[in-house]
């Protein structure tokens, strides 16, 4: 499992804005959410599919 850095998260936000072709809004909202979560001590993790139990509910 990979712990995502703030840079990783901001890169994902930038990609989502590009893929949304302007229809999903700007990146400001996403950046605020990331900042708020990190200030509260939250972390973001990315799991490989092989790390997830086949019976898990996602």
PDB file of N, CA and C in Angstrom:
ATOM      1  N   UNK A   1       0.852  -1.164   0.000  1.00  0.00           N
ATOM      2  CA  UNK A   1       0.000   0.000   0.000  1.00  0.00           C
ATOM      3  C   UNK A   1       0.900   1.229   0.000  1.00  0.00           C
ATOM      4  N   UNK A   2       0.571   2.180  -0.845  1.00  0.00           N
ATOM      5  CA  UNK A   2       1.364   3.399  -0.966  1.00  0.00           C
ATOM      6  C   UNK A   2       0.642   4.546  -0.270  1.00  0.00           C
ATOM      7  N   UNK A   3       1.362   5.255   0.589  1.00  0.00           N
ATOM      8  CA  UNK A   3       0.818   6.458   1.216  1.00  0.00           C
ATOM      9  C   UNK A   3       1.053   7.608   0.243  1.00  0.00           C
ATOM     10  N   UNK A   4      -0.020   8.303  -0.113  1.00  0.00           N
ATOM     11  CA  UNK A   4       0.071   9.388  -1.081  1.00  0.00           C
ATOM     12  C   UNK A   4       0.545  10.673  -0.417  1.00  0.00           C
ATOM     13  N   UNK A   5       1.441  11.368  -1.089  1.00  0.00           N
ATOM     14  CA  UNK A   5       1.942  12.645  -0.597  1.00  0.00           C
ATOM     15  C   UNK A   5       1.007  13.767  -1.050  1.00  0.00           C
ATOM     16  N   UNK A   6       1.219  14.941  -0.484  1.00  0.00           N
ATOM     17  CA  UNK A   6       0.422  16.097  -0.912  1.00  0.00           C
ATOM     18  C   UNK A   6       0.627  16.348  -2.405  1.00  0.00           C
ATOM     19  N   UNK A   7       1.860  16.187  -2.886  1.00  0.00           N
ATOM     20  CA  UNK A   7       2.127  16.379  -4.314  1.00  0.00           C
ATOM     21  C   UNK A   7       1.360  15.359  -5.145  1.00  0.00           C
ATOM     22  N   UNK A   8       1.339  14.092  -4.706  1.00  0.00           N
ATOM     23  CA  UNK A   8       0.556  13.075  -5.415  1.00  0.00           C
ATOM     24  C   UNK A   8      -0.894  13.510  -5.541  1.00  0.00           C
ATOM     25  N   UNK A   9      -1.462  13.963  -4.425  1.00  0.00           N
ATOM     26  CA  UNK A   9      -2.870  14.355  -4.411  1.00  0.00           C
ATOM     27  C   UNK A   9      -3.132  15.542  -5.329  1.00  0.00           C
ATOM     28  N   UNK A  10      -2.238  16.524  -5.311  1.00  0.00           N
ATOM     29  CA  UNK A  10      -2.409  17.686  -6.189  1.00  0.00           C
ATOM     30  C   UNK A  10      -2.265  17.290  -7.658  1.00  0.00           C
ATOM     31  N   UNK A  11      -1.393  16.323  -7.943  1.00  0.00           N
ATOM     32  CA  UNK A  11      -1.263  15.818  -9.313  1.00  0.00           C
ATOM     33  C   UNK A  11      -2.546  15.112  -9.754  1.00  0.00           C
ATOM     34  N   UNK A  12      -3.162  14.330  -8.863  1.00  0.00           N
ATOM     35  CA  UNK A  12      -4.428  13.665  -9.197  1.00  0.00           C
ATOM     36  C   UNK A  12      -5.533  14.684  -9.448  1.00  0.00           C
ATOM     37  N   UNK A  13      -5.544  15.745  -8.655  1.00  0.00           N
ATOM     38  CA  UNK A  13      -6.540  16.803  -8.851  1.00  0.00           C
ATOM     39  C   UNK A  13      -6.344  17.449 -10.223  1.00  0.00           C
ATOM     40  N   UNK A  14      -5.091  17.751 -10.567  1.00  0.00           N
ATOM     41  CA  UNK A  14      -4.804  18.359 -11.876  1.00  0.00           C
ATOM     42  C   UNK A  14      -5.259  17.440 -13.003  1.00  0.00           C
ATOM     43  N   UNK A  15      -4.999  16.154 -12.874  1.00  0.00           N
ATOM     44  CA  UNK A  15      -5.439  15.196 -13.887  1.00  0.00           C
ATOM     45  C   UNK A  15      -6.945  15.121 -14.002  1.00  0.00           C
ATOM     46  N   UNK A  16      -7.629  15.179 -12.869  1.00  0.00           N
ATOM     47  CA  UNK A  16      -9.095  15.133 -12.885  1.00  0.00           C
ATOM     48  C   UNK A  16      -9.675  16.362 -13.570  1.00  0.00           C
ATOM     49  N   UNK A  17      -9.051  17.517 -13.349  1.00  0.00           N
ATOM     50  CA  UNK A  17      -9.514  18.746 -14.007  1.00  0.00           C
ATOM     51  C   UNK A  17      -9.350  18.614 -15.521  1.00  0.00           C
ATOM     52  N   UNK A  18      -8.209  18.072 -15.954  1.00  0.00           N
ATOM     53  CA  UNK A  18      -7.969  17.897 -17.391  1.00  0.00           C
ATOM     54  C   UNK A  18      -8.960  16.901 -17.979  1.00  0.00           C
ATOM     55  N   UNK A  19      -9.139  15.757 -17.324  1.00  0.00           N
ATOM     56  CA  UNK A  19     -10.053  14.738 -17.842  1.00  0.00           C
ATOM     57  C   UNK A  19     -11.504  15.192 -17.793  1.00  0.00           C
ATOM     58  N   UNK A  20     -11.818  16.099 -16.867  1.00  0.00           N
ATOM     59  CA  UNK A  20     -13.178  16.624 -16.775  1.00  0.00           C
ATOM     60  C   UNK A  20     -13.492  17.634 -17.863  1.00  0.00           C
ATOM     61  N   UNK A  21     -12.490  18.042 -18.625  1.00  0.00           N
ATOM     62  CA  UNK A  21     -12.656  18.987 -19.743  1.00  0.00           C
ATOM     63  C   UNK A  21     -13.444  20.227 -19.344  1.00  0.00           C
ATOM     64  N   UNK A  22     -13.258  20.700 -18.121  1.00  0.00           N
ATOM     65  CA  UNK A  22     -13.932  21.924 -17.684  1.00  0.00           C
ATOM     66  C   UNK A  22     -15.317  21.692 -17.126  1.00  0.00           C
ATOM     67  N   UNK A  23     -15.880  20.527 -17.344  1.00  0.00           N
ATOM     68  CA  UNK A  23     -17.236  20.254 -16.869  1.00  0.00           C
ATOM     69  C   UNK A  23     -17.305  19.876 -15.400  1.00  0.00           C
ATOM     70  N   UNK A  24     -16.160  19.585 -14.817  1.00  0.00           N
ATOM     71  CA  UNK A  24     -16.142  19.169 -13.418  1.00  0.00           C
ATOM     72  C   UNK A  24     -15.761  20.274 -12.455  1.00  0.00           C
ATOM     73  N   UNK A  25     -15.568  21.462 -12.983  1.00  0.00           N
ATOM     74  CA  UNK A  25     -15.186  22.579 -12.126  1.00  0.00           C
ATOM     75  C   UNK A  25     -13.680  22.717 -12.022  1.00  0.00           C
ATOM     76  N   UNK A  26     -13.259  23.692 -11.257  1.00  0.00           N
ATOM     77  CA  UNK A  26     -11.839  23.969 -11.096  1.00  0.00           C
ATOM     78  C   UNK A  26     -11.210  23.131 -10.001  1.00  0.00           C
ATOM     79  N   UNK A  27      -9.925  23.328  -9.822  1.00  0.00           N
ATOM     80  CA  UNK A  27      -9.175  22.538  -8.852  1.00  0.00           C
ATOM     81  C   UNK A  27      -9.235  23.104  -7.435  1.00  0.00           C
ATOM     82  N   UNK A  28      -9.737  24.317  -7.273  1.00  0.00           N
ATOM     83  CA  UNK A  28      -9.715  24.973  -5.962  1.00  0.00           C
ATOM     84  C   UNK A  28     -10.443  24.167  -4.892  1.00  0.00           C
ATOM     85  N   UNK A  29     -11.593  23.620  -5.233  1.00  0.00           N
ATOM     86  CA  UNK A  29     -12.391  22.851  -4.285  1.00  0.00           C
ATOM     87  C   UNK A  29     -11.623  21.612  -3.820  1.00  0.00           C
ATOM     88  N   UNK A  30     -11.024  20.907  -4.759  1.00  0.00           N
ATOM     89  CA  UNK A  30     -10.246  19.718  -4.416  1.00  0.00           C
ATOM     90  C   UNK A  30      -9.042  20.048  -3.558  1.00  0.00           C
ATOM     91  N   UNK A  31      -8.366  21.143  -3.883  1.00  0.00           N
ATOM     92  CA  UNK A  31      -7.202  21.559  -3.092  1.00  0.00           C
ATOM     93  C   UNK A  31      -7.612  21.904  -1.665  1.00  0.00           C
ATOM     94  N   UNK A  32      -8.754  22.558  -1.510  1.00  0.00           N
ATOM     95  CA  UNK A  32      -9.240  22.889  -0.157  1.00  0.00           C
ATOM     96  C   UNK A  32      -9.538  21.624   0.633  1.00  0.00           C
ATOM     97  N   UNK A  33     -10.155  20.649  -0.020  1.00  0.00           N
ATOM     98  CA  UNK A  33     -10.467  19.387   0.664  1.00  0.00           C
ATOM     99  C   UNK A  33      -9.190  18.681   1.115  1.00  0.00           C
ATOM    100  N   UNK A  34      -8.191  18.644   0.252  1.00  0.00           N
ATOM    101  CA  UNK A  34      -6.914  18.006   0.591  1.00  0.00           C
ATOM    102  C   UNK A  34      -6.251  18.745   1.744  1.00  0.00           C
ATOM    103  N   UNK A  35      -6.192  20.073   1.653  1.00  0.00           N
ATOM    104  CA  UNK A  35      -5.576  20.867   2.725  1.00  0.00           C
ATOM    105  C   UNK A  35      -6.266  20.626   4.059  1.00  0.00           C
ATOM    106  N   UNK A  36      -7.596  20.645   4.059  1.00  0.00           N
ATOM    107  CA  UNK A  36      -8.358  20.426   5.297  1.00  0.00           C
ATOM    108  C   UNK A  36      -8.077  19.041   5.880  1.00  0.00           C
ATOM    109  N   UNK A  37      -8.088  18.029   5.026  1.00  0.00           N
ATOM    110  CA  UNK A  37      -7.861  16.661   5.498  1.00  0.00           C
ATOM    111  C   UNK A  37      -6.452  16.500   6.064  1.00  0.00           C
ATOM    112  N   UNK A  38      -5.454  17.048   5.385  1.00  0.00           N
ATOM    113  CA  UNK A  38      -4.077  16.925   5.863  1.00  0.00           C
ATOM    114  C   UNK A  38      -3.875  17.684   7.168  1.00  0.00           C
ATOM    115  N   UNK A  39      -4.506  18.838   7.300  1.00  0.00           N
ATOM    116  CA  UNK A  39      -4.411  19.603   8.551  1.00  0.00           C
ATOM    117  C   UNK A  39      -5.013  18.832   9.724  1.00  0.00           C
ATOM    118  N   UNK A  40      -6.016  18.000   9.451  1.00  0.00           N
ATOM    119  CA  UNK A  40      -6.660  17.200  10.498  1.00  0.00           C
ATOM    120  C   UNK A  40      -5.898  15.906  10.775  1.00  0.00           C
ATOM    121  N   UNK A  41      -4.806  15.679  10.042  1.00  0.00           N
ATOM    122  CA  UNK A  41      -3.994  14.491  10.271  1.00  0.00           C
ATOM    123  C   UNK A  41      -4.406  13.277   9.464  1.00  0.00           C
ATOM    124  N   UNK A  42      -5.292  13.455   8.518  1.00  0.00           N
ATOM    125  CA  UNK A  42      -5.723  12.337   7.675  1.00  0.00           C
ATOM    126  C   UNK A  42      -4.609  11.957   6.704  1.00  0.00           C
ATOM    127  N   UNK A  43      -4.626  10.712   6.278  1.00  0.00           N
ATOM    128  CA  UNK A  43      -3.686  10.279   5.245  1.00  0.00           C
ATOM    129  C   UNK A  43      -4.477   9.592   4.139  1.00  0.00           C
ATOM    130  N   UNK A  44      -3.886   9.548   2.976  1.00  0.00           N
ATOM    131  CA  UNK A  44      -4.518   8.939   1.813  1.00  0.00           C
ATOM    132  C   UNK A  44      -3.635   7.796   1.354  1.00  0.00           C
ATOM    133  N   UNK A  45      -4.253   6.658   1.093  1.00  0.00           N
ATOM    134  CA  UNK A  45      -3.493   5.473   0.701  1.00  0.00           C
ATOM    135  C   UNK A  45      -4.050   4.915  -0.599  1.00  0.00           C
ATOM    136  N   UNK A  46      -3.153   4.357  -1.398  1.00  0.00           N
ATOM    137  CA  UNK A  46      -3.514   3.739  -2.663  1.00  0.00           C
ATOM    138  C   UNK A  46      -3.104   2.277  -2.585  1.00  0.00           C
ATOM    139  N   UNK A  47      -4.065   1.389  -2.721  1.00  0.00           N
ATOM    140  CA  UNK A  47      -3.793  -0.042  -2.607  1.00  0.00           C
ATOM    141  C   UNK A  47      -3.758  -0.684  -3.989  1.00  0.00           C
ATOM    142  N   UNK A  48      -2.847  -1.611  -4.154  1.00  0.00           N
ATOM    143  CA  UNK A  48      -2.827  -2.432  -5.351  1.00  0.00           C
ATOM    144  C   UNK A  48      -3.958  -3.447  -5.232  1.00  0.00           C
ATOM    145  N   UNK A  49      -4.539  -3.814  -6.341  1.00  0.00           N
ATOM    146  CA  UNK A  49      -5.670  -4.752  -6.319  1.00  0.00           C
ATOM    147  C   UNK A  49      -5.287  -6.068  -5.636  1.00  0.00           C
ATOM    148  N   UNK A  50      -4.022  -6.464  -5.721  1.00  0.00           N
ATOM    149  CA  UNK A  50      -3.581  -7.718  -5.095  1.00  0.00           C
ATOM    150  C   UNK A  50      -3.583  -7.633  -3.570  1.00  0.00           C
ATOM    151  N   UNK A  51      -3.631  -6.425  -3.021  1.00  0.00           N
ATOM    152  CA  UNK A  51      -3.632  -6.233  -1.573  1.00  0.00           C
ATOM    153  C   UNK A  51      -5.041  -6.266  -0.979  1.00  0.00           C
ATOM    154  N   UNK A  52      -6.049  -6.342  -1.821  1.00  0.00           N
ATOM    155  CA  UNK A  52      -7.431  -6.276  -1.350  1.00  0.00           C
ATOM    156  C   UNK A  52      -8.022  -7.678  -1.303  1.00  0.00           C
ATOM    157  N   UNK A  53      -8.589  -8.030  -0.179  1.00  0.00           N
ATOM    158  CA  UNK A  53      -9.231  -9.330   0.003  1.00  0.00           C
ATOM    159  C   UNK A  53     -10.358  -9.479  -1.018  1.00  0.00           C
ATOM    160  N   UNK A  54     -10.419 -10.631  -1.630  1.00  0.00           N
ATOM    161  CA  UNK A  54     -11.440 -10.903  -2.638  1.00  0.00           C
ATOM    162  C   UNK A  54     -12.860 -10.802  -2.117  1.00  0.00           C
ATOM    163  N   UNK A  55     -13.042 -10.917  -0.814  1.00  0.00           N
ATOM    164  CA  UNK A  55     -14.366 -10.830  -0.203  1.00  0.00           C
ATOM    165  C   UNK A  55     -14.654  -9.438   0.357  1.00  0.00           C
ATOM    166  N   UNK A  56     -13.718  -8.526   0.222  1.00  0.00           N
ATOM    167  CA  UNK A  56     -13.884  -7.182   0.793  1.00  0.00           C
ATOM    168  C   UNK A  56     -14.959  -6.399   0.054  1.00  0.00           C
ATOM    169  N   UNK A  57     -15.653  -5.567   0.800  1.00  0.00           N
ATOM    170  CA  UNK A  57     -16.634  -4.673   0.204  1.00  0.00           C
ATOM    171  C   UNK A  57     -15.996  -3.291   0.112  1.00  0.00           C
ATOM    172  N   UNK A  58     -15.981  -2.750  -1.080  1.00  0.00           N
ATOM    173  CA  UNK A  58     -15.353  -1.445  -1.302  1.00  0.00           C
ATOM    174  C   UNK A  58     -16.391  -0.405  -1.639  1.00  0.00           C
TER     175      UNK A  58
END
